[in-house]
Amino acid sequence: MKKSVQHSIYILIFAFVLQSVCTIPADAYMVKYKEDFYRLYHVHYQQYPDDCIENIYWLEKAAQADFCNPLYADAKIDTEKQWEKYRYLFQMHINLKLIEQHLRLGRTYDKQVAHFYDAPWKDEYVNDLNKTLSCYQAGLYYWQEAQLWAEKANASSFDFLFITDQQSWEDERERIKTGNLDYGKMLNREIARVTKVRNDFLAMNTKNY
């Protein structure tokens, strides 16, 4: 499922990677660990599709990479239990950021309403809405992943143990636990809306315009 919903996105990501490889100097710093890739993720004040695609690429690499030694983690780690929870929180956080980036990318192609006077351009709008659906459907996959890692971080063995250097991650974990953060509900609502708008475009008769 993941491959099918992300096909068009990964084509764009592949093009970005090719461009990046051609511009990396020979003596560039070797990016290897999860923390290294995560530091390359950044949010612009005004974020364009290429910015989202770049961030998705770095976040995907971060999700797949190994963790660095605890000495160089993005939080102070003193015990093995802290190290374990840190890893769960990090994976949860990366998946949440991947959802955010797919939402941002999807919204650049989204259209709220299929107006009758848009009929002459219906094919273009349908193509854009298909991209939006791919982004939102990919977001559902990452939401499932985020929930799994949050559940691991919420284990009773971690009661009263907090990674204070990453309080925002702890807050995200707690919000998922209480249901105050529920991307699944939002994404399913948006998918249903976009599907309806796309179907409205598909039903249009362009011969009248």
N, C-alpha and C. Protein backbone atom coordinates (compact mmCIF):
# COMPACT_ATOMS: atom_id res chain seq x y z
N MET A 1 0.83 -1.21 0.00
CA MET A 1 0.00 0.00 0.00
C MET A 1 0.86 1.25 0.00
N LYS A 2 1.92 1.23 0.81
CA LYS A 2 2.75 2.41 0.94
C LYS A 2 3.36 2.79 -0.41
N LYS A 3 3.83 1.77 -1.17
CA LYS A 3 4.48 2.06 -2.44
C LYS A 3 3.50 2.67 -3.43
N SER A 4 2.26 2.18 -3.44
CA SER A 4 1.29 2.66 -4.42
C SER A 4 0.87 4.09 -4.15
N VAL A 5 0.66 4.45 -2.89
CA VAL A 5 0.18 5.80 -2.59
C VAL A 5 1.29 6.83 -2.67
N GLN A 6 2.54 6.39 -2.63
CA GLN A 6 3.64 7.35 -2.62
C GLN A 6 4.41 7.39 -3.94
N HIS A 7 3.92 6.68 -4.95
CA HIS A 7 4.69 6.55 -6.19
C HIS A 7 5.05 7.91 -6.78
N SER A 8 4.05 8.78 -6.95
CA SER A 8 4.31 10.07 -7.57
C SER A 8 5.22 10.94 -6.70
N ILE A 9 5.07 10.83 -5.38
CA ILE A 9 5.91 11.61 -4.48
C ILE A 9 7.36 11.17 -4.59
N TYR A 10 7.58 9.86 -4.65
CA TYR A 10 8.94 9.35 -4.70
C TYR A 10 9.64 9.67 -6.02
N ILE A 11 8.86 9.83 -7.09
CA ILE A 11 9.46 10.26 -8.34
C ILE A 11 10.07 11.65 -8.17
N LEU A 12 9.34 12.53 -7.49
CA LEU A 12 9.85 13.87 -7.23
C LEU A 12 11.05 13.83 -6.28
N ILE A 13 10.98 12.96 -5.29
CA ILE A 13 12.08 12.83 -4.34
C ILE A 13 13.32 12.32 -5.05
N PHE A 14 13.15 11.36 -5.95
CA PHE A 14 14.28 10.82 -6.70
C PHE A 14 14.97 11.91 -7.51
N ALA A 15 14.16 12.78 -8.12
CA ALA A 15 14.74 13.89 -8.90
C ALA A 15 15.52 14.82 -7.99
N PHE A 16 14.99 15.06 -6.79
CA PHE A 16 15.70 15.91 -5.82
C PHE A 16 17.03 15.29 -5.42
N VAL A 17 17.02 13.97 -5.19
CA VAL A 17 18.24 13.28 -4.77
C VAL A 17 19.31 13.37 -5.85
N LEU A 18 18.91 13.17 -7.10
CA LEU A 18 19.87 13.27 -8.19
C LEU A 18 20.51 14.65 -8.25
N GLN A 19 19.69 15.67 -8.06
CA GLN A 19 20.20 17.04 -8.09
C GLN A 19 21.15 17.28 -6.92
N SER A 20 20.79 16.74 -5.75
CA SER A 20 21.62 16.94 -4.55
C SER A 20 22.97 16.26 -4.69
N VAL A 21 22.97 15.03 -5.22
CA VAL A 21 24.21 14.30 -5.36
C VAL A 21 25.20 15.03 -6.25
N CYS A 22 24.68 15.69 -7.27
CA CYS A 22 25.55 16.40 -8.20
C CYS A 22 26.19 17.64 -7.58
N THR A 23 25.62 18.13 -6.47
CA THR A 23 26.12 19.38 -5.88
C THR A 23 26.89 19.16 -4.59
N ILE A 24 26.99 17.91 -4.11
CA ILE A 24 27.71 17.64 -2.86
C ILE A 24 29.22 17.67 -3.10
N PRO A 25 29.98 18.50 -2.37
CA PRO A 25 31.43 18.53 -2.55
C PRO A 25 32.08 17.23 -2.08
N ALA A 26 33.26 16.96 -2.63
CA ALA A 26 33.93 15.69 -2.34
C ALA A 26 34.29 15.55 -0.87
N ASP A 27 34.57 16.68 -0.20
CA ASP A 27 35.00 16.62 1.19
C ASP A 27 33.85 16.89 2.16
N ALA A 28 32.60 16.65 1.72
CA ALA A 28 31.42 16.92 2.56
C ALA A 28 31.41 16.01 3.78
N TYR A 29 30.79 16.49 4.85
CA TYR A 29 30.65 15.71 6.08
C TYR A 29 29.78 14.49 5.82
N MET A 30 30.20 13.33 6.30
CA MET A 30 29.47 12.09 6.07
C MET A 30 28.24 12.04 6.98
N VAL A 31 27.08 12.04 6.39
CA VAL A 31 25.82 11.93 7.13
C VAL A 31 25.49 10.44 7.23
N LYS A 32 25.42 9.93 8.45
CA LYS A 32 25.29 8.48 8.62
C LYS A 32 24.18 8.09 9.57
N TYR A 33 24.04 8.80 10.67
CA TYR A 33 23.13 8.36 11.72
C TYR A 33 21.79 9.10 11.67
N LYS A 34 20.85 8.55 12.42
CA LYS A 34 19.49 9.12 12.47
C LYS A 34 19.53 10.59 12.86
N GLU A 35 20.30 10.91 13.87
CA GLU A 35 20.38 12.29 14.32
C GLU A 35 20.96 13.22 13.25
N ASP A 36 21.91 12.71 12.45
CA ASP A 36 22.50 13.51 11.37
C ASP A 36 21.45 13.87 10.33
N PHE A 37 20.68 12.88 9.88
CA PHE A 37 19.67 13.13 8.86
C PHE A 37 18.57 14.04 9.39
N TYR A 38 18.22 13.86 10.66
CA TYR A 38 17.15 14.68 11.23
C TYR A 38 17.55 16.16 11.27
N ARG A 39 18.83 16.43 11.49
CA ARG A 39 19.28 17.82 11.54
C ARG A 39 19.19 18.51 10.17
N LEU A 40 19.10 17.74 9.10
CA LEU A 40 18.95 18.31 7.76
C LEU A 40 17.51 18.70 7.46
N TYR A 41 16.59 18.22 8.28
CA TYR A 41 15.18 18.60 8.15
C TYR A 41 15.00 20.01 8.67
N HIS A 42 14.26 20.84 7.94
CA HIS A 42 14.04 22.22 8.36
C HIS A 42 12.74 22.73 7.75
N VAL A 43 12.09 23.62 8.46
CA VAL A 43 10.81 24.18 8.00
C VAL A 43 11.02 25.64 7.62
N HIS A 44 10.65 25.98 6.40
CA HIS A 44 10.78 27.35 5.93
C HIS A 44 9.55 28.15 6.35
N TYR A 45 9.74 29.47 6.48
CA TYR A 45 8.60 30.35 6.79
C TYR A 45 7.54 30.21 5.69
N GLN A 46 7.97 30.24 4.45
CA GLN A 46 7.08 29.99 3.32
C GLN A 46 7.59 28.75 2.61
N GLN A 47 6.86 27.65 2.78
CA GLN A 47 7.36 26.37 2.31
C GLN A 47 6.74 25.99 0.96
N TYR A 48 7.60 25.75 -0.02
CA TYR A 48 7.17 25.37 -1.36
C TYR A 48 7.23 23.85 -1.50
N PRO A 49 6.60 23.29 -2.55
CA PRO A 49 6.61 21.83 -2.74
C PRO A 49 8.00 21.21 -2.69
N ASP A 50 8.99 21.87 -3.33
CA ASP A 50 10.35 21.32 -3.32
C ASP A 50 10.91 21.24 -1.90
N ASP A 51 10.53 22.20 -1.05
CA ASP A 51 10.99 22.18 0.34
C ASP A 51 10.40 20.98 1.07
N CYS A 52 9.12 20.71 0.83
CA CYS A 52 8.46 19.56 1.45
C CYS A 52 9.09 18.25 0.98
N ILE A 53 9.36 18.16 -0.31
CA ILE A 53 9.95 16.95 -0.88
C ILE A 53 11.34 16.72 -0.28
N GLU A 54 12.10 17.79 -0.13
CA GLU A 54 13.42 17.67 0.49
C GLU A 54 13.31 17.17 1.92
N ASN A 55 12.38 17.74 2.68
CA ASN A 55 12.20 17.32 4.07
C ASN A 55 11.74 15.87 4.18
N ILE A 56 10.85 15.46 3.28
CA ILE A 56 10.39 14.08 3.29
C ILE A 56 11.56 13.14 3.05
N TYR A 57 12.43 13.53 2.15
CA TYR A 57 13.60 12.70 1.86
C TYR A 57 14.47 12.54 3.10
N TRP A 58 14.81 13.66 3.77
CA TRP A 58 15.68 13.58 4.94
C TRP A 58 15.01 12.84 6.08
N LEU A 59 13.72 13.05 6.27
CA LEU A 59 13.01 12.36 7.36
C LEU A 59 12.92 10.87 7.10
N GLU A 60 12.71 10.48 5.85
CA GLU A 60 12.69 9.05 5.51
C GLU A 60 14.06 8.42 5.79
N LYS A 61 15.12 9.13 5.42
CA LYS A 61 16.47 8.63 5.69
C LYS A 61 16.70 8.52 7.20
N ALA A 62 16.20 9.49 7.95
CA ALA A 62 16.35 9.46 9.40
C ALA A 62 15.61 8.27 10.00
N ALA A 63 14.42 8.00 9.48
CA ALA A 63 13.62 6.88 10.00
C ALA A 63 14.32 5.55 9.78
N GLN A 64 15.08 5.44 8.69
CA GLN A 64 15.72 4.17 8.33
C GLN A 64 17.13 4.01 8.91
N ALA A 65 17.76 5.11 9.29
CA ALA A 65 19.15 5.06 9.73
C ALA A 65 19.29 4.51 11.14
N ASP A 66 20.51 4.15 11.49
CA ASP A 66 20.81 3.71 12.86
C ASP A 66 20.95 4.91 13.78
N PHE A 67 20.76 4.67 15.06
CA PHE A 67 21.02 5.71 16.05
C PHE A 67 22.52 5.84 16.28
N CYS A 68 22.93 7.04 16.62
CA CYS A 68 24.33 7.24 16.98
C CYS A 68 24.57 6.71 18.39
N ASN A 69 25.78 6.74 18.85
CA ASN A 69 26.09 6.33 20.21
C ASN A 69 25.33 7.24 21.20
N PRO A 70 24.83 6.69 22.31
CA PRO A 70 24.10 7.51 23.29
C PRO A 70 24.84 8.77 23.75
N LEU A 71 26.16 8.73 23.70
CA LEU A 71 26.94 9.91 24.09
C LEU A 71 26.63 11.11 23.20
N TYR A 72 26.22 10.85 21.95
CA TYR A 72 26.00 11.92 20.98
C TYR A 72 24.51 12.05 20.61
N ALA A 73 23.66 11.51 21.44
CA ALA A 73 22.22 11.59 21.19
C ALA A 73 21.73 13.03 21.34
N ASP A 74 20.52 13.27 20.88
CA ASP A 74 19.92 14.61 20.97
C ASP A 74 19.24 14.82 22.32
N ALA A 75 19.73 14.16 23.34
CA ALA A 75 19.26 14.32 24.71
C ALA A 75 20.31 13.70 25.63
N LYS A 76 20.32 14.11 26.88
CA LYS A 76 21.27 13.54 27.85
C LYS A 76 20.78 12.15 28.24
N ILE A 77 21.59 11.14 27.99
CA ILE A 77 21.22 9.76 28.27
C ILE A 77 22.18 9.19 29.31
N ASP A 78 21.62 8.73 30.46
CA ASP A 78 22.45 8.17 31.52
C ASP A 78 22.20 6.68 31.75
N THR A 79 21.01 6.19 31.39
CA THR A 79 20.67 4.79 31.67
C THR A 79 20.15 4.11 30.41
N GLU A 80 20.13 2.78 30.45
CA GLU A 80 19.62 2.02 29.31
C GLU A 80 18.12 2.25 29.12
N LYS A 81 17.39 2.44 30.20
CA LYS A 81 15.95 2.70 30.07
C LYS A 81 15.71 4.06 29.41
N GLN A 82 16.49 5.05 29.74
CA GLN A 82 16.39 6.34 29.06
C GLN A 82 16.70 6.19 27.58
N TRP A 83 17.72 5.41 27.28
CA TRP A 83 18.11 5.18 25.90
C TRP A 83 17.00 4.50 25.11
N GLU A 84 16.34 3.54 25.75
CA GLU A 84 15.24 2.82 25.10
C GLU A 84 14.07 3.76 24.81
N LYS A 85 13.68 4.54 25.80
CA LYS A 85 12.55 5.44 25.59
C LYS A 85 12.89 6.53 24.59
N TYR A 86 14.11 7.03 24.65
CA TYR A 86 14.57 8.03 23.68
C TYR A 86 14.39 7.54 22.25
N ARG A 87 14.75 6.28 22.01
CA ARG A 87 14.64 5.73 20.65
C ARG A 87 13.18 5.64 20.21
N TYR A 88 12.30 5.22 21.12
CA TYR A 88 10.88 5.14 20.78
C TYR A 88 10.30 6.52 20.47
N LEU A 89 10.65 7.49 21.31
CA LEU A 89 10.14 8.85 21.11
C LEU A 89 10.65 9.44 19.80
N PHE A 90 11.91 9.19 19.49
CA PHE A 90 12.50 9.73 18.27
C PHE A 90 11.76 9.19 17.04
N GLN A 91 11.54 7.88 17.00
CA GLN A 91 10.84 7.28 15.87
C GLN A 91 9.41 7.81 15.76
N MET A 92 8.74 7.97 16.88
CA MET A 92 7.40 8.55 16.88
C MET A 92 7.42 9.96 16.31
N HIS A 93 8.38 10.76 16.77
CA HIS A 93 8.46 12.15 16.35
C HIS A 93 8.74 12.26 14.85
N ILE A 94 9.65 11.44 14.34
CA ILE A 94 9.95 11.48 12.91
C ILE A 94 8.72 11.17 12.08
N ASN A 95 7.93 10.19 12.50
CA ASN A 95 6.72 9.85 11.75
C ASN A 95 5.68 10.97 11.82
N LEU A 96 5.61 11.67 12.93
CA LEU A 96 4.70 12.82 13.03
C LEU A 96 5.14 13.93 12.08
N LYS A 97 6.44 14.16 12.00
CA LYS A 97 6.95 15.18 11.08
C LYS A 97 6.71 14.78 9.62
N LEU A 98 6.78 13.50 9.32
CA LEU A 98 6.49 13.03 7.97
C LEU A 98 5.02 13.28 7.62
N ILE A 99 4.15 13.12 8.60
CA ILE A 99 2.73 13.44 8.38
C ILE A 99 2.58 14.92 8.05
N GLU A 100 3.22 15.77 8.84
CA GLU A 100 3.12 17.21 8.63
C GLU A 100 3.59 17.61 7.24
N GLN A 101 4.69 17.02 6.80
CA GLN A 101 5.24 17.37 5.49
C GLN A 101 4.35 16.87 4.36
N HIS A 102 3.76 15.70 4.51
CA HIS A 102 2.83 15.21 3.49
C HIS A 102 1.56 16.05 3.45
N LEU A 103 1.13 16.53 4.60
CA LEU A 103 -0.03 17.43 4.63
C LEU A 103 0.29 18.74 3.91
N ARG A 104 1.46 19.30 4.20
CA ARG A 104 1.87 20.54 3.54
C ARG A 104 1.96 20.35 2.03
N LEU A 105 2.57 19.24 1.61
CA LEU A 105 2.71 18.98 0.18
C LEU A 105 1.35 18.76 -0.46
N GLY A 106 0.50 18.00 0.19
CA GLY A 106 -0.83 17.74 -0.36
C GLY A 106 -1.66 18.99 -0.51
N ARG A 107 -1.54 19.90 0.42
CA ARG A 107 -2.34 21.13 0.38
C ARG A 107 -1.96 22.04 -0.79
N THR A 108 -0.75 21.89 -1.30
CA THR A 108 -0.35 22.73 -2.44
C THR A 108 -1.11 22.33 -3.71
N TYR A 109 -1.65 21.12 -3.75
CA TYR A 109 -2.40 20.64 -4.91
C TYR A 109 -3.90 20.55 -4.63
N ASP A 110 -4.29 20.82 -3.41
CA ASP A 110 -5.68 20.64 -2.98
C ASP A 110 -6.60 21.70 -3.58
N LYS A 111 -7.86 21.36 -3.69
CA LYS A 111 -8.89 22.31 -4.11
C LYS A 111 -10.14 22.00 -3.31
N GLN A 112 -10.68 23.03 -2.67
CA GLN A 112 -11.77 22.82 -1.73
C GLN A 112 -13.10 22.51 -2.41
N VAL A 113 -13.34 23.15 -3.55
CA VAL A 113 -14.65 23.03 -4.21
C VAL A 113 -14.46 22.87 -5.71
N ALA A 114 -15.30 22.05 -6.33
CA ALA A 114 -15.30 21.90 -7.79
C ALA A 114 -16.37 22.82 -8.36
N HIS A 115 -15.98 24.03 -8.73
CA HIS A 115 -16.93 24.99 -9.30
C HIS A 115 -17.26 24.60 -10.75
N PHE A 116 -18.48 24.87 -11.17
CA PHE A 116 -18.91 24.47 -12.51
C PHE A 116 -18.06 25.14 -13.59
N TYR A 117 -17.57 26.35 -13.31
CA TYR A 117 -16.79 27.06 -14.32
C TYR A 117 -15.35 26.56 -14.41
N ASP A 118 -14.98 25.59 -13.55
CA ASP A 118 -13.65 24.97 -13.63
C ASP A 118 -13.62 23.81 -14.62
N ALA A 119 -14.76 23.52 -15.24
CA ALA A 119 -14.87 22.35 -16.11
C ALA A 119 -13.81 22.27 -17.21
N PRO A 120 -13.46 23.38 -17.87
CA PRO A 120 -12.45 23.27 -18.95
C PRO A 120 -11.09 22.77 -18.47
N TRP A 121 -10.82 22.89 -17.18
CA TRP A 121 -9.52 22.47 -16.64
C TRP A 121 -9.65 21.27 -15.71
N LYS A 122 -10.73 20.51 -15.89
CA LYS A 122 -11.01 19.44 -14.95
C LYS A 122 -9.90 18.39 -14.91
N ASP A 123 -9.28 18.08 -16.05
CA ASP A 123 -8.22 17.07 -16.06
C ASP A 123 -7.04 17.50 -15.20
N GLU A 124 -6.68 18.78 -15.29
CA GLU A 124 -5.58 19.30 -14.48
C GLU A 124 -5.92 19.23 -12.98
N TYR A 125 -7.17 19.60 -12.67
CA TYR A 125 -7.59 19.56 -11.26
C TYR A 125 -7.64 18.13 -10.74
N VAL A 126 -8.11 17.20 -11.55
CA VAL A 126 -8.16 15.80 -11.13
C VAL A 126 -6.75 15.27 -10.88
N ASN A 127 -5.82 15.63 -11.76
CA ASN A 127 -4.43 15.22 -11.58
C ASN A 127 -3.86 15.76 -10.27
N ASP A 128 -4.13 17.04 -9.98
CA ASP A 128 -3.65 17.64 -8.74
C ASP A 128 -4.29 16.97 -7.52
N LEU A 129 -5.58 16.69 -7.60
CA LEU A 129 -6.27 16.07 -6.48
C LEU A 129 -5.79 14.64 -6.24
N ASN A 130 -5.37 13.96 -7.30
CA ASN A 130 -4.79 12.63 -7.12
C ASN A 130 -3.48 12.72 -6.33
N LYS A 131 -2.70 13.78 -6.59
CA LYS A 131 -1.47 13.99 -5.83
C LYS A 131 -1.81 14.27 -4.36
N THR A 132 -2.84 15.07 -4.15
CA THR A 132 -3.27 15.36 -2.78
C THR A 132 -3.67 14.09 -2.05
N LEU A 133 -4.46 13.24 -2.71
CA LEU A 133 -4.88 11.99 -2.10
C LEU A 133 -3.69 11.10 -1.76
N SER A 134 -2.71 11.05 -2.66
CA SER A 134 -1.52 10.24 -2.39
C SER A 134 -0.80 10.71 -1.14
N CYS A 135 -0.70 12.03 -0.99
CA CYS A 135 -0.04 12.60 0.19
C CYS A 135 -0.81 12.27 1.47
N TYR A 136 -2.12 12.46 1.44
CA TYR A 136 -2.92 12.23 2.64
C TYR A 136 -2.97 10.74 2.98
N GLN A 137 -3.03 9.87 1.98
CA GLN A 137 -3.04 8.43 2.23
C GLN A 137 -1.69 7.98 2.80
N ALA A 138 -0.61 8.56 2.30
CA ALA A 138 0.71 8.26 2.87
C ALA A 138 0.75 8.70 4.33
N GLY A 139 0.12 9.83 4.64
CA GLY A 139 0.06 10.31 6.01
C GLY A 139 -0.57 9.29 6.95
N LEU A 140 -1.57 8.54 6.47
CA LEU A 140 -2.20 7.52 7.30
C LEU A 140 -1.21 6.42 7.67
N TYR A 141 -0.34 6.06 6.73
CA TYR A 141 0.67 5.05 7.04
C TYR A 141 1.58 5.54 8.16
N TYR A 142 2.04 6.79 8.05
CA TYR A 142 2.93 7.33 9.07
C TYR A 142 2.23 7.51 10.41
N TRP A 143 0.93 7.76 10.38
CA TRP A 143 0.16 7.87 11.62
C TRP A 143 0.13 6.52 12.34
N GLN A 144 -0.06 5.44 11.60
CA GLN A 144 -0.03 4.12 12.21
C GLN A 144 1.33 3.85 12.84
N GLU A 145 2.40 4.24 12.13
CA GLU A 145 3.74 4.07 12.67
C GLU A 145 3.94 4.91 13.93
N ALA A 146 3.51 6.15 13.90
CA ALA A 146 3.66 7.03 15.07
C ALA A 146 2.92 6.46 16.27
N GLN A 147 1.74 5.92 16.06
CA GLN A 147 0.97 5.34 17.17
C GLN A 147 1.69 4.13 17.77
N LEU A 148 2.29 3.32 16.92
CA LEU A 148 3.00 2.14 17.41
C LEU A 148 4.18 2.53 18.30
N TRP A 149 4.95 3.54 17.85
CA TRP A 149 6.10 3.97 18.64
C TRP A 149 5.66 4.69 19.92
N ALA A 150 4.57 5.45 19.83
CA ALA A 150 4.04 6.12 21.03
C ALA A 150 3.58 5.09 22.05
N GLU A 151 2.97 4.02 21.56
CA GLU A 151 2.52 2.96 22.47
C GLU A 151 3.71 2.32 23.19
N LYS A 152 4.80 2.12 22.48
CA LYS A 152 6.00 1.57 23.11
C LYS A 152 6.54 2.52 24.17
N ALA A 153 6.52 3.83 23.85
CA ALA A 153 7.03 4.83 24.80
C ALA A 153 6.10 5.02 25.99
N ASN A 154 4.86 4.56 25.87
CA ASN A 154 3.89 4.68 26.96
C ASN A 154 3.85 3.45 27.86
N ALA A 155 4.78 2.52 27.67
CA ALA A 155 4.81 1.30 28.49
C ALA A 155 4.93 1.65 29.97
N SER A 156 4.34 0.82 30.81
CA SER A 156 4.35 1.09 32.25
C SER A 156 5.76 1.13 32.83
N SER A 157 6.71 0.46 32.16
CA SER A 157 8.08 0.47 32.66
C SER A 157 8.72 1.85 32.57
N PHE A 158 8.06 2.76 31.81
CA PHE A 158 8.60 4.12 31.68
C PHE A 158 7.85 5.13 32.56
N ASP A 159 6.97 4.65 33.42
CA ASP A 159 6.26 5.55 34.32
C ASP A 159 7.27 6.36 35.15
N PHE A 160 7.06 7.67 35.20
CA PHE A 160 7.92 8.59 35.95
C PHE A 160 9.32 8.73 35.36
N LEU A 161 9.49 8.25 34.12
CA LEU A 161 10.77 8.43 33.43
C LEU A 161 10.51 9.31 32.22
N PHE A 162 11.14 10.48 32.20
CA PHE A 162 10.89 11.44 31.12
C PHE A 162 12.21 11.89 30.50
N ILE A 163 12.19 12.03 29.18
CA ILE A 163 13.35 12.58 28.47
C ILE A 163 13.17 14.09 28.46
N THR A 164 13.66 14.73 29.49
CA THR A 164 13.38 16.15 29.70
C THR A 164 14.02 17.05 28.65
N ASP A 165 15.10 16.58 28.04
CA ASP A 165 15.74 17.39 26.99
C ASP A 165 14.91 17.43 25.71
N GLN A 166 13.94 16.55 25.62
CA GLN A 166 13.04 16.53 24.46
C GLN A 166 11.59 16.55 24.96
N GLN A 167 11.27 17.61 25.69
CA GLN A 167 9.94 17.71 26.29
C GLN A 167 8.85 17.76 25.23
N SER A 168 9.14 18.34 24.08
CA SER A 168 8.13 18.41 23.02
C SER A 168 7.76 17.01 22.53
N TRP A 169 8.74 16.11 22.50
CA TRP A 169 8.45 14.72 22.10
C TRP A 169 7.57 14.05 23.17
N GLU A 170 7.88 14.32 24.42
CA GLU A 170 7.07 13.77 25.51
C GLU A 170 5.63 14.31 25.42
N ASP A 171 5.51 15.58 25.08
CA ASP A 171 4.18 16.18 24.93
C ASP A 171 3.40 15.51 23.80
N GLU A 172 4.08 15.23 22.69
CA GLU A 172 3.43 14.55 21.56
C GLU A 172 2.97 13.16 21.98
N ARG A 173 3.82 12.45 22.69
CA ARG A 173 3.45 11.12 23.18
C ARG A 173 2.20 11.16 24.04
N GLU A 174 2.16 12.13 24.96
CA GLU A 174 1.02 12.26 25.87
C GLU A 174 -0.25 12.64 25.11
N ARG A 175 -0.12 13.51 24.14
CA ARG A 175 -1.29 13.92 23.35
C ARG A 175 -1.85 12.77 22.52
N ILE A 176 -0.97 11.91 22.02
CA ILE A 176 -1.45 10.73 21.30
C ILE A 176 -2.16 9.78 22.27
N LYS A 177 -1.59 9.62 23.45
CA LYS A 177 -2.16 8.73 24.47
C LYS A 177 -3.57 9.18 24.87
N THR A 178 -3.75 10.48 25.04
CA THR A 178 -5.04 11.00 25.49
C THR A 178 -6.04 11.20 24.34
N GLY A 179 -5.55 11.12 23.09
CA GLY A 179 -6.43 11.33 21.95
C GLY A 179 -6.53 12.78 21.52
N ASN A 180 -5.80 13.68 22.19
CA ASN A 180 -5.82 15.09 21.79
C ASN A 180 -5.09 15.32 20.47
N LEU A 181 -4.20 14.40 20.12
CA LEU A 181 -3.53 14.44 18.83
C LEU A 181 -3.97 13.21 18.05
N ASP A 182 -4.78 13.43 17.02
CA ASP A 182 -5.33 12.31 16.25
C ASP A 182 -5.30 12.66 14.76
N TYR A 183 -4.17 12.40 14.14
CA TYR A 183 -4.04 12.67 12.71
C TYR A 183 -4.91 11.72 11.89
N GLY A 184 -5.18 10.54 12.42
CA GLY A 184 -6.00 9.59 11.68
C GLY A 184 -7.37 10.14 11.37
N LYS A 185 -8.01 10.73 12.38
CA LYS A 185 -9.34 11.30 12.18
C LYS A 185 -9.30 12.43 11.16
N MET A 186 -8.31 13.30 11.28
CA MET A 186 -8.21 14.44 10.37
C MET A 186 -7.92 13.98 8.94
N LEU A 187 -6.99 13.04 8.79
CA LEU A 187 -6.61 12.58 7.46
C LEU A 187 -7.77 11.86 6.77
N ASN A 188 -8.49 11.03 7.50
CA ASN A 188 -9.64 10.34 6.91
C ASN A 188 -10.72 11.33 6.48
N ARG A 189 -10.91 12.37 7.28
CA ARG A 189 -11.88 13.41 6.91
C ARG A 189 -11.45 14.13 5.64
N GLU A 190 -10.16 14.46 5.55
CA GLU A 190 -9.65 15.15 4.37
C GLU A 190 -9.68 14.26 3.13
N ILE A 191 -9.37 12.99 3.30
CA ILE A 191 -9.41 12.05 2.18
C ILE A 191 -10.83 11.93 1.63
N ALA A 192 -11.81 11.86 2.52
CA ALA A 192 -13.21 11.78 2.08
C ALA A 192 -13.61 13.04 1.32
N ARG A 193 -13.19 14.21 1.83
CA ARG A 193 -13.53 15.47 1.16
C ARG A 193 -12.89 15.56 -0.21
N VAL A 194 -11.58 15.27 -0.29
CA VAL A 194 -10.87 15.37 -1.57
C VAL A 194 -11.44 14.37 -2.58
N THR A 195 -11.79 13.19 -2.12
CA THR A 195 -12.38 12.19 -3.01
C THR A 195 -13.69 12.69 -3.60
N LYS A 196 -14.50 13.36 -2.78
CA LYS A 196 -15.77 13.91 -3.28
C LYS A 196 -15.52 15.01 -4.31
N VAL A 197 -14.57 15.91 -4.01
CA VAL A 197 -14.27 16.99 -4.96
C VAL A 197 -13.76 16.41 -6.27
N ARG A 198 -12.89 15.42 -6.19
CA ARG A 198 -12.38 14.78 -7.41
C ARG A 198 -13.52 14.13 -8.20
N ASN A 199 -14.43 13.46 -7.51
CA ASN A 199 -15.55 12.83 -8.19
C ASN A 199 -16.47 13.86 -8.84
N ASP A 200 -16.60 15.02 -8.19
CA ASP A 200 -17.40 16.11 -8.78
C ASP A 200 -16.77 16.57 -10.09
N PHE A 201 -15.45 16.67 -10.12
CA PHE A 201 -14.76 17.06 -11.36
C PHE A 201 -14.94 15.98 -12.44
N LEU A 202 -14.79 14.72 -12.05
CA LEU A 202 -14.91 13.63 -13.02
C LEU A 202 -16.30 13.58 -13.64
N ALA A 203 -17.31 14.02 -12.90
CA ALA A 203 -18.69 13.98 -13.39
C ALA A 203 -19.03 15.17 -14.29
N MET A 204 -18.14 16.14 -14.39
CA MET A 204 -18.43 17.33 -15.18
C MET A 204 -18.44 17.04 -16.68
N ASN A 205 -19.31 17.75 -17.38
CA ASN A 205 -19.39 17.67 -18.83
C ASN A 205 -18.71 18.90 -19.43
N THR A 206 -17.50 18.69 -19.95
CA THR A 206 -16.73 19.83 -20.44
C THR A 206 -17.24 20.36 -21.77
N LYS A 207 -18.12 19.64 -22.45
CA LYS A 207 -18.60 20.07 -23.76
C LYS A 207 -19.48 21.31 -23.66
N ASN A 208 -19.99 21.60 -22.49
CA ASN A 208 -20.87 22.76 -22.32
C ASN A 208 -20.10 24.05 -22.11
N TYR A 209 -18.76 23.99 -22.09
CA TYR A 209 -17.97 25.19 -21.76
C TYR A 209 -16.87 25.39 -22.78
